[in-house]
PDB file of N, CA and C in Angstrom:
ATOM      1  N   MET A   1       8.193 -15.148 -11.060  1.00  0.00           N
ATOM      2  CA  MET A   1       8.856 -13.922 -10.646  1.00  0.00           C
ATOM      3  C   MET A   1       8.246 -13.450  -9.325  1.00  0.00           C
ATOM      4  N   LYS A   2       9.068 -12.859  -8.485  1.00  0.00           N
ATOM      5  CA  LYS A   2       8.671 -12.399  -7.161  1.00  0.00           C
ATOM      6  C   LYS A   2       7.860 -11.110  -7.248  1.00  0.00           C
ATOM      7  N   GLU A   3       6.773 -11.031  -6.477  1.00  0.00           N
ATOM      8  CA  GLU A   3       5.942  -9.823  -6.456  1.00  0.00           C
ATOM      9  C   GLU A   3       6.560  -8.775  -5.539  1.00  0.00           C
ATOM     10  N   ILE A   4       6.474  -7.499  -5.940  1.00  0.00           N
ATOM     11  CA  ILE A   4       7.036  -6.402  -5.159  1.00  0.00           C
ATOM     12  C   ILE A   4       6.079  -6.043  -4.026  1.00  0.00           C
ATOM     13  N   ASP A   5       6.600  -5.940  -2.823  1.00  0.00           N
ATOM     14  CA  ASP A   5       5.812  -5.541  -1.653  1.00  0.00           C
ATOM     15  C   ASP A   5       5.833  -4.018  -1.555  1.00  0.00           C
ATOM     16  N   TRP A   6       4.861  -3.362  -2.211  1.00  0.00           N
ATOM     17  CA  TRP A   6       4.851  -1.904  -2.297  1.00  0.00           C
ATOM     18  C   TRP A   6       4.645  -1.240  -0.950  1.00  0.00           C
ATOM     19  N   LYS A   7       3.884  -1.848  -0.054  1.00  0.00           N
ATOM     20  CA  LYS A   7       3.687  -1.255   1.274  1.00  0.00           C
ATOM     21  C   LYS A   7       5.022  -1.132   1.991  1.00  0.00           C
ATOM     22  N   ARG A   8       5.816  -2.173   1.901  1.00  0.00           N
ATOM     23  CA  ARG A   8       7.128  -2.163   2.555  1.00  0.00           C
ATOM     24  C   ARG A   8       8.073  -1.169   1.874  1.00  0.00           C
ATOM     25  N   LYS A   9       8.037  -1.133   0.543  1.00  0.00           N
ATOM     26  CA  LYS A   9       8.910  -0.207  -0.192  1.00  0.00           C
ATOM     27  C   LYS A   9       8.585   1.243   0.145  1.00  0.00           C
ATOM     28  N   LEU A  10       7.293   1.596   0.135  1.00  0.00           N
ATOM     29  CA  LEU A  10       6.896   2.984   0.355  1.00  0.00           C
ATOM     30  C   LEU A  10       7.134   3.458   1.779  1.00  0.00           C
ATOM     31  N   THR A  11       7.333   2.548   2.706  1.00  0.00           N
ATOM     32  CA  THR A  11       7.634   2.951   4.084  1.00  0.00           C
ATOM     33  C   THR A  11       9.135   2.854   4.390  1.00  0.00           C
ATOM     34  N   SER A  12       9.932   2.526   3.383  1.00  0.00           N
ATOM     35  CA  SER A  12      11.371   2.362   3.572  1.00  0.00           C
ATOM     36  C   SER A  12      12.107   3.686   3.378  1.00  0.00           C
ATOM     37  N   ARG A  13      12.890   4.075   4.366  1.00  0.00           N
ATOM     38  CA  ARG A  13      13.712   5.288   4.238  1.00  0.00           C
ATOM     39  C   ARG A  13      14.776   5.125   3.160  1.00  0.00           C
ATOM     40  N   LYS A  14      15.304   3.921   3.023  1.00  0.00           N
ATOM     41  CA  LYS A  14      16.324   3.668   1.999  1.00  0.00           C
ATOM     42  C   LYS A  14      15.751   3.898   0.597  1.00  0.00           C
ATOM     43  N   PHE A  15      14.509   3.454   0.375  1.00  0.00           N
ATOM     44  CA  PHE A  15      13.856   3.650  -0.915  1.00  0.00           C
ATOM     45  C   PHE A  15      13.731   5.136  -1.229  1.00  0.00           C
ATOM     46  N   TRP A  16      13.256   5.924  -0.258  1.00  0.00           N
ATOM     47  CA  TRP A  16      13.052   7.348  -0.493  1.00  0.00           C
ATOM     48  C   TRP A  16      14.380   8.084  -0.668  1.00  0.00           C
ATOM     49  N   LEU A  17      15.407   7.670   0.055  1.00  0.00           N
ATOM     50  CA  LEU A  17      16.726   8.282  -0.146  1.00  0.00           C
ATOM     51  C   LEU A  17      17.264   7.971  -1.535  1.00  0.00           C
ATOM     52  N   ALA A  18      17.004   6.765  -2.028  1.00  0.00           N
ATOM     53  CA  ALA A  18      17.434   6.416  -3.385  1.00  0.00           C
ATOM     54  C   ALA A  18      16.701   7.277  -4.415  1.00  0.00           C
ATOM     55  N   ILE A  19      15.420   7.532  -4.185  1.00  0.00           N
ATOM     56  CA  ILE A  19      14.650   8.397  -5.090  1.00  0.00           C
ATOM     57  C   ILE A  19      15.227   9.810  -5.085  1.00  0.00           C
ATOM     58  N   VAL A  20      15.502  10.339  -3.876  1.00  0.00           N
ATOM     59  CA  VAL A  20      16.076  11.686  -3.772  1.00  0.00           C
ATOM     60  C   VAL A  20      17.424  11.747  -4.477  1.00  0.00           C
ATOM     61  N   GLU A  21      18.246  10.752  -4.272  1.00  0.00           N
ATOM     62  CA  GLU A  21      19.561  10.733  -4.920  1.00  0.00           C
ATOM     63  C   GLU A  21      19.428  10.697  -6.439  1.00  0.00           C
ATOM     64  N   LEU A  22      18.492   9.916  -6.949  1.00  0.00           N
ATOM     65  CA  LEU A  22      18.282   9.851  -8.396  1.00  0.00           C
ATOM     66  C   LEU A  22      17.831  11.207  -8.937  1.00  0.00           C
ATOM     67  N   VAL A  23      16.834  11.800  -8.299  1.00  0.00           N
ATOM     68  CA  VAL A  23      16.299  13.083  -8.776  1.00  0.00           C
ATOM     69  C   VAL A  23      17.350  14.191  -8.682  1.00  0.00           C
ATOM     70  N   THR A  24      18.021  14.278  -7.551  1.00  0.00           N
ATOM     71  CA  THR A  24      19.019  15.344  -7.405  1.00  0.00           C
ATOM     72  C   THR A  24      20.194  15.130  -8.359  1.00  0.00           C
ATOM     73  N   GLY A  25      20.592  13.890  -8.562  1.00  0.00           N
ATOM     74  CA  GLY A  25      21.670  13.612  -9.512  1.00  0.00           C
ATOM     75  C   GLY A  25      21.300  14.034 -10.923  1.00  0.00           C
ATOM     76  N   LEU A  26      20.062  13.740 -11.324  1.00  0.00           N
ATOM     77  CA  LEU A  26      19.613  14.159 -12.655  1.00  0.00           C
ATOM     78  C   LEU A  26      19.544  15.673 -12.772  1.00  0.00           C
ATOM     79  N   MET A  27      19.060  16.331 -11.732  1.00  0.00           N
ATOM     80  CA  MET A  27      18.963  17.794 -11.776  1.00  0.00           C
ATOM     81  C   MET A  27      20.352  18.432 -11.843  1.00  0.00           C
ATOM     82  N   LEU A  28      21.291  17.897 -11.104  1.00  0.00           N
ATOM     83  CA  LEU A  28      22.652  18.430 -11.158  1.00  0.00           C
ATOM     84  C   LEU A  28      23.280  18.183 -12.520  1.00  0.00           C
ATOM     85  N   ALA A  29      22.978  17.013 -13.130  1.00  0.00           N
ATOM     86  CA  ALA A  29      23.507  16.709 -14.458  1.00  0.00           C
ATOM     87  C   ALA A  29      22.979  17.695 -15.499  1.00  0.00           C
ATOM     88  N   PHE A  30      21.755  18.170 -15.296  1.00  0.00           N
ATOM     89  CA  PHE A  30      21.165  19.142 -16.225  1.00  0.00           C
ATOM     90  C   PHE A  30      21.393  20.576 -15.779  1.00  0.00           C
ATOM     91  N   LYS A  31      22.329  20.749 -14.856  1.00  0.00           N
ATOM     92  CA  LYS A  31      22.785  22.062 -14.393  1.00  0.00           C
ATOM     93  C   LYS A  31      21.678  22.934 -13.793  1.00  0.00           C
ATOM     94  N   VAL A  32      20.806  22.295 -12.995  1.00  0.00           N
ATOM     95  CA  VAL A  32      19.786  23.043 -12.263  1.00  0.00           C
ATOM     96  C   VAL A  32      20.472  23.707 -11.068  1.00  0.00           C
ATOM     97  N   ASP A  33      20.019  24.891 -10.698  1.00  0.00           N
ATOM     98  CA  ASP A  33      20.581  25.646  -9.584  1.00  0.00           C
ATOM     99  C   ASP A  33      20.613  24.791  -8.306  1.00  0.00           C
ATOM    100  N   ALA A  34      21.719  24.841  -7.575  1.00  0.00           N
ATOM    101  CA  ALA A  34      21.898  24.012  -6.377  1.00  0.00           C
ATOM    102  C   ALA A  34      20.823  24.282  -5.327  1.00  0.00           C
ATOM    103  N   GLY A  35      20.384  25.534  -5.202  1.00  0.00           N
ATOM    104  CA  GLY A  35      19.316  25.848  -4.243  1.00  0.00           C
ATOM    105  C   GLY A  35      18.017  25.164  -4.605  1.00  0.00           C
ATOM    106  N   THR A  36      17.707  25.119  -5.878  1.00  0.00           N
ATOM    107  CA  THR A  36      16.498  24.442  -6.349  1.00  0.00           C
ATOM    108  C   THR A  36      16.589  22.946  -6.093  1.00  0.00           C
ATOM    109  N   VAL A  37      17.748  22.374  -6.332  1.00  0.00           N
ATOM    110  CA  VAL A  37      17.965  20.944  -6.088  1.00  0.00           C
ATOM    111  C   VAL A  37      17.722  20.630  -4.614  1.00  0.00           C
ATOM    112  N   GLU A  38      18.247  21.470  -3.739  1.00  0.00           N
ATOM    113  CA  GLU A  38      18.086  21.267  -2.298  1.00  0.00           C
ATOM    114  C   GLU A  38      16.626  21.335  -1.881  1.00  0.00           C
ATOM    115  N   VAL A  39      15.896  22.303  -2.409  1.00  0.00           N
ATOM    116  CA  VAL A  39      14.477  22.460  -2.068  1.00  0.00           C
ATOM    117  C   VAL A  39      13.670  21.256  -2.550  1.00  0.00           C
ATOM    118  N   ILE A  40      13.906  20.825  -3.779  1.00  0.00           N
ATOM    119  CA  ILE A  40      13.155  19.690  -4.315  1.00  0.00           C
ATOM    120  C   ILE A  40      13.472  18.415  -3.542  1.00  0.00           C
ATOM    121  N   GLY A  41      14.726  18.208  -3.175  1.00  0.00           N
ATOM    122  CA  GLY A  41      15.086  17.054  -2.342  1.00  0.00           C
ATOM    123  C   GLY A  41      14.359  17.080  -1.009  1.00  0.00           C
ATOM    124  N   GLY A  42      14.256  18.262  -0.409  1.00  0.00           N
ATOM    125  CA  GLY A  42      13.529  18.403   0.854  1.00  0.00           C
ATOM    126  C   GLY A  42      12.047  18.127   0.704  1.00  0.00           C
ATOM    127  N   VAL A  43      11.469  18.582  -0.400  1.00  0.00           N
ATOM    128  CA  VAL A  43      10.047  18.336  -0.653  1.00  0.00           C
ATOM    129  C   VAL A  43       9.776  16.840  -0.808  1.00  0.00           C
ATOM    130  N   ILE A  44      10.648  16.149  -1.541  1.00  0.00           N
ATOM    131  CA  ILE A  44      10.473  14.704  -1.728  1.00  0.00           C
ATOM    132  C   ILE A  44      10.551  13.983  -0.382  1.00  0.00           C
ATOM    133  N   MET A  45      11.517  14.359   0.462  1.00  0.00           N
ATOM    134  CA  MET A  45      11.653  13.696   1.762  1.00  0.00           C
ATOM    135  C   MET A  45      10.463  14.001   2.673  1.00  0.00           C
ATOM    136  N   SER A  46       9.929  15.213   2.600  1.00  0.00           N
ATOM    137  CA  SER A  46       8.751  15.556   3.397  1.00  0.00           C
ATOM    138  C   SER A  46       7.549  14.737   2.949  1.00  0.00           C
ATOM    139  N   ALA A  47       7.367  14.628   1.630  1.00  0.00           N
ATOM    140  CA  ALA A  47       6.266  13.824   1.104  1.00  0.00           C
ATOM    141  C   ALA A  47       6.439  12.354   1.487  1.00  0.00           C
ATOM    142  N   ALA A  48       7.676  11.877   1.460  1.00  0.00           N
ATOM    143  CA  ALA A  48       7.950  10.491   1.832  1.00  0.00           C
ATOM    144  C   ALA A  48       7.586  10.226   3.284  1.00  0.00           C
ATOM    145  N   ALA A  49       7.855  11.186   4.148  1.00  0.00           N
ATOM    146  CA  ALA A  49       7.510  11.018   5.566  1.00  0.00           C
ATOM    147  C   ALA A  49       6.001  10.893   5.735  1.00  0.00           C
ATOM    148  N   VAL A  50       5.248  11.689   5.006  1.00  0.00           N
ATOM    149  CA  VAL A  50       3.780  11.626   5.092  1.00  0.00           C
ATOM    150  C   VAL A  50       3.273  10.285   4.566  1.00  0.00           C
ATOM    151  N   VAL A  51       3.792   9.840   3.427  1.00  0.00           N
ATOM    152  CA  VAL A  51       3.372   8.564   2.847  1.00  0.00           C
ATOM    153  C   VAL A  51       3.701   7.415   3.789  1.00  0.00           C
ATOM    154  N   ALA A  52       4.930   7.389   4.314  1.00  0.00           N
ATOM    155  CA  ALA A  52       5.347   6.316   5.208  1.00  0.00           C
ATOM    156  C   ALA A  52       4.507   6.302   6.481  1.00  0.00           C
ATOM    157  N   TYR A  53       4.232   7.468   7.043  1.00  0.00           N
ATOM    158  CA  TYR A  53       3.420   7.549   8.263  1.00  0.00           C
ATOM    159  C   TYR A  53       2.004   7.044   7.994  1.00  0.00           C
ATOM    160  N   THR A  54       1.420   7.482   6.892  1.00  0.00           N
ATOM    161  CA  THR A  54       0.055   7.099   6.571  1.00  0.00           C
ATOM    162  C   THR A  54      -0.071   5.590   6.362  1.00  0.00           C
ATOM    163  N   ILE A  55       0.835   5.027   5.597  1.00  0.00           N
ATOM    164  CA  ILE A  55       0.796   3.577   5.367  1.00  0.00           C
ATOM    165  C   ILE A  55       1.062   2.820   6.658  1.00  0.00           C
ATOM    166  N   GLY A  56       2.046   3.268   7.410  1.00  0.00           N
ATOM    167  CA  GLY A  56       2.368   2.609   8.677  1.00  0.00           C
ATOM    168  C   GLY A  56       1.211   2.622   9.655  1.00  0.00           C
ATOM    169  N   GLU A  57       0.541   3.750   9.787  1.00  0.00           N
ATOM    170  CA  GLU A  57      -0.613   3.840  10.685  1.00  0.00           C
ATOM    171  C   GLU A  57      -1.766   2.984  10.183  1.00  0.00           C
ATOM    172  N   GLY A  58      -1.958   2.943   8.878  1.00  0.00           N
ATOM    173  CA  GLY A  58      -3.009   2.089   8.321  1.00  0.00           C
ATOM    174  C   GLY A  58      -2.753   0.627   8.603  1.00  0.00           C
ATOM    175  N   LEU A  59      -1.504   0.206   8.456  1.00  0.00           N
ATOM    176  CA  LEU A  59      -1.159  -1.179   8.750  1.00  0.00           C
ATOM    177  C   LEU A  59      -1.316  -1.489  10.236  1.00  0.00           C
ATOM    178  N   ALA A  60      -0.923  -0.544  11.089  1.00  0.00           N
ATOM    179  CA  ALA A  60      -1.069  -0.743  12.535  1.00  0.00           C
ATOM    180  C   ALA A  60      -2.542  -0.824  12.922  1.00  0.00           C
ATOM    181  N   ASP A  61      -3.368   0.049  12.350  1.00  0.00           N
ATOM    182  CA  ASP A  61      -4.806   0.010  12.631  1.00  0.00           C
ATOM    183  C   ASP A  61      -5.423  -1.300  12.167  1.00  0.00           C
ATOM    184  N   ALA A  62      -5.018  -1.757  10.986  1.00  0.00           N
ATOM    185  CA  ALA A  62      -5.544  -3.014  10.466  1.00  0.00           C
ATOM    186  C   ALA A  62      -5.157  -4.180  11.375  1.00  0.00           C
ATOM    187  N   ALA A  63      -3.927  -4.169  11.870  1.00  0.00           N
ATOM    188  CA  ALA A  63      -3.467  -5.246  12.748  1.00  0.00           C
ATOM    189  C   ALA A  63      -4.167  -5.220  14.099  1.00  0.00           C
ATOM    190  N   ASN A  64      -4.510  -4.016  14.573  1.00  0.00           N
ATOM    191  CA  ASN A  64      -5.164  -3.879  15.874  1.00  0.00           C
ATOM    192  C   ASN A  64      -6.677  -3.968  15.787  1.00  0.00           C
ATOM    193  N   GLY A  65      -7.216  -4.009  14.581  1.00  0.00           N
ATOM    194  CA  GLY A  65      -8.655  -4.115  14.420  1.00  0.00           C
ATOM    195  C   GLY A  65      -9.404  -2.833  14.700  1.00  0.00           C
ATOM    196  N   THR A  66      -8.775  -1.677  14.412  1.00  0.00           N
ATOM    197  CA  THR A  66      -9.444  -0.399  14.622  1.00  0.00           C
ATOM    198  C   THR A  66      -9.666   0.287  13.268  1.00  0.00           C
ATOM    199  N   ASN A  67     -10.627   1.221  13.247  1.00  0.00           N
ATOM    200  CA  ASN A  67     -10.869   1.966  12.014  1.00  0.00           C
ATOM    201  C   ASN A  67     -10.037   3.243  12.003  1.00  0.00           C
ATOM    202  N   ASN A  68     -10.304   4.143  11.070  1.00  0.00           N
ATOM    203  CA  ASN A  68      -9.513   5.369  10.934  1.00  0.00           C
ATOM    204  C   ASN A  68      -9.635   6.307  12.124  1.00  0.00           C
ATOM    205  N   PHE A  69     -10.650   6.111  12.954  1.00  0.00           N
ATOM    206  CA  PHE A  69     -10.885   7.017  14.092  1.00  0.00           C
ATOM    207  C   PHE A  69     -10.459   6.385  15.411  1.00  0.00           C
ATOM    208  N   GLY A  70      -9.757   5.242  15.339  1.00  0.00           N
ATOM    209  CA  GLY A  70      -9.283   4.577  16.554  1.00  0.00           C
ATOM    210  C   GLY A  70     -10.343   3.753  17.255  1.00  0.00           C
ATOM    211  N   GLU A  71     -11.528   3.610  16.613  1.00  0.00           N
ATOM    212  CA  GLU A  71     -12.618   2.838  17.214  1.00  0.00           C
ATOM    213  C   GLU A  71     -12.507   1.398  16.743  1.00  0.00           C
ATOM    214  N   ASN A  72     -12.914   0.455  17.611  1.00  0.00           N
ATOM    215  CA  ASN A  72     -12.885  -0.946  17.246  1.00  0.00           C
ATOM    216  C   ASN A  72     -13.865  -1.221  16.127  1.00  0.00           C
ATOM    217  N   LYS A  73     -13.464  -2.083  15.207  1.00  0.00           N
ATOM    218  CA  LYS A  73     -14.344  -2.485  14.112  1.00  0.00           C
ATOM    219  C   LYS A  73     -15.366  -3.470  14.645  1.00  0.00           C
ATOM    220  N   ALA A  74     -16.553  -3.395  14.092  1.00  0.00           N
ATOM    221  CA  ALA A  74     -17.576  -4.367  14.464  1.00  0.00           C
ATOM    222  C   ALA A  74     -17.201  -5.722  13.886  1.00  0.00           C
ATOM    223  N   VAL A  75     -17.394  -6.768  14.659  1.00  0.00           N
ATOM    224  CA  VAL A  75     -17.026  -8.117  14.213  1.00  0.00           C
ATOM    225  C   VAL A  75     -18.192  -8.768  13.527  1.00  0.00           C
TER     226      VAL A  75
END
Protein backbone atom coordinates (compact mmCIF):
# COMPACT_ATOMS: atom_id res chain seq x y z
CA MET A 1 0.00 0.00 0.00
CA LYS A 2 1.17 3.53 -0.82
CA GLU A 3 2.34 5.75 2.06
CA ILE A 4 0.61 9.13 2.50
CA ASP A 5 2.86 12.17 2.02
CA TRP A 6 1.57 14.26 4.95
CA LYS A 7 3.91 17.19 4.28
CA ARG A 8 2.43 17.58 0.82
CA LYS A 9 -1.14 17.08 2.05
CA LEU A 10 -0.86 19.66 4.84
CA THR A 11 0.47 22.29 2.45
CA SER A 12 -2.26 21.64 -0.14
CA ARG A 13 -4.99 24.27 -0.49
CA LYS A 14 -7.28 21.63 -2.00
CA PHE A 15 -6.91 19.48 1.13
CA TRP A 16 -7.81 22.37 3.44
CA LEU A 17 -10.77 23.40 1.28
CA ALA A 18 -12.05 19.82 1.43
CA ILE A 19 -11.76 19.92 5.24
CA VAL A 20 -13.67 23.23 5.37
CA GLU A 21 -16.36 21.87 3.08
CA LEU A 22 -16.75 18.74 5.22
CA VAL A 23 -16.97 20.69 8.49
CA THR A 24 -19.32 23.36 7.17
CA GLY A 25 -21.52 20.74 5.51
CA LEU A 26 -21.83 18.83 8.78
CA MET A 27 -22.59 22.00 10.72
CA LEU A 28 -25.28 23.02 8.25
CA ALA A 29 -26.76 19.50 8.41
CA PHE A 30 -27.04 19.90 12.20
CA LYS A 31 -28.66 23.31 11.74
CA VAL A 32 -25.85 25.40 13.22
CA ASP A 33 -26.30 29.17 12.73
CA ALA A 34 -24.91 30.32 9.35
CA GLY A 35 -22.80 33.03 11.00
CA THR A 36 -21.13 30.45 13.22
CA VAL A 37 -20.47 28.21 10.22
CA GLU A 38 -18.82 31.12 8.40
CA VAL A 39 -16.60 32.00 11.37
CA ILE A 40 -15.47 28.41 11.91
CA GLY A 41 -14.70 28.00 8.20
CA GLY A 42 -12.58 31.16 8.37
CA VAL A 43 -10.74 29.92 11.45
CA ILE A 44 -9.92 26.61 9.75
CA MET A 45 -8.58 28.40 6.66
CA SER A 46 -6.49 30.77 8.79
CA ALA A 47 -5.01 27.84 10.70
CA ALA A 48 -4.35 26.05 7.41
CA ALA A 49 -2.41 29.04 6.11
CA VAL A 50 -0.19 29.01 9.20
CA VAL A 51 0.40 25.24 8.97
CA ALA A 52 1.16 25.39 5.23
CA TYR A 53 3.53 28.35 5.66
CA THR A 54 5.37 26.72 8.55
CA ILE A 55 5.85 23.40 6.77
CA GLY A 56 6.79 25.11 3.52
CA GLU A 57 9.41 27.29 5.18
CA GLY A 58 10.80 24.30 7.06
CA LEU A 59 11.16 22.35 3.84
CA ALA A 60 12.78 25.34 2.10
CA ASP A 61 15.22 25.80 4.99
CA ALA A 62 16.08 22.11 4.96
CA ALA A 63 16.72 22.21 1.21
CA ASN A 64 18.89 25.33 1.51
CA GLY A 65 20.84 24.01 4.49
CA THR A 66 19.81 26.76 6.91
CA ASN A 67 18.47 26.54 10.46
CA ASN A 68 15.37 28.23 11.91
CA PHE A 69 17.19 31.58 12.13
CA GLY A 70 18.37 31.65 8.49
CA GLU A 71 21.95 30.77 9.49
CA ASN A 72 23.90 28.10 7.62
CA LYS A 73 24.12 24.75 9.37
CA ALA A 74 27.54 23.55 10.37
CA VAL A 75 28.73 20.74 8.11
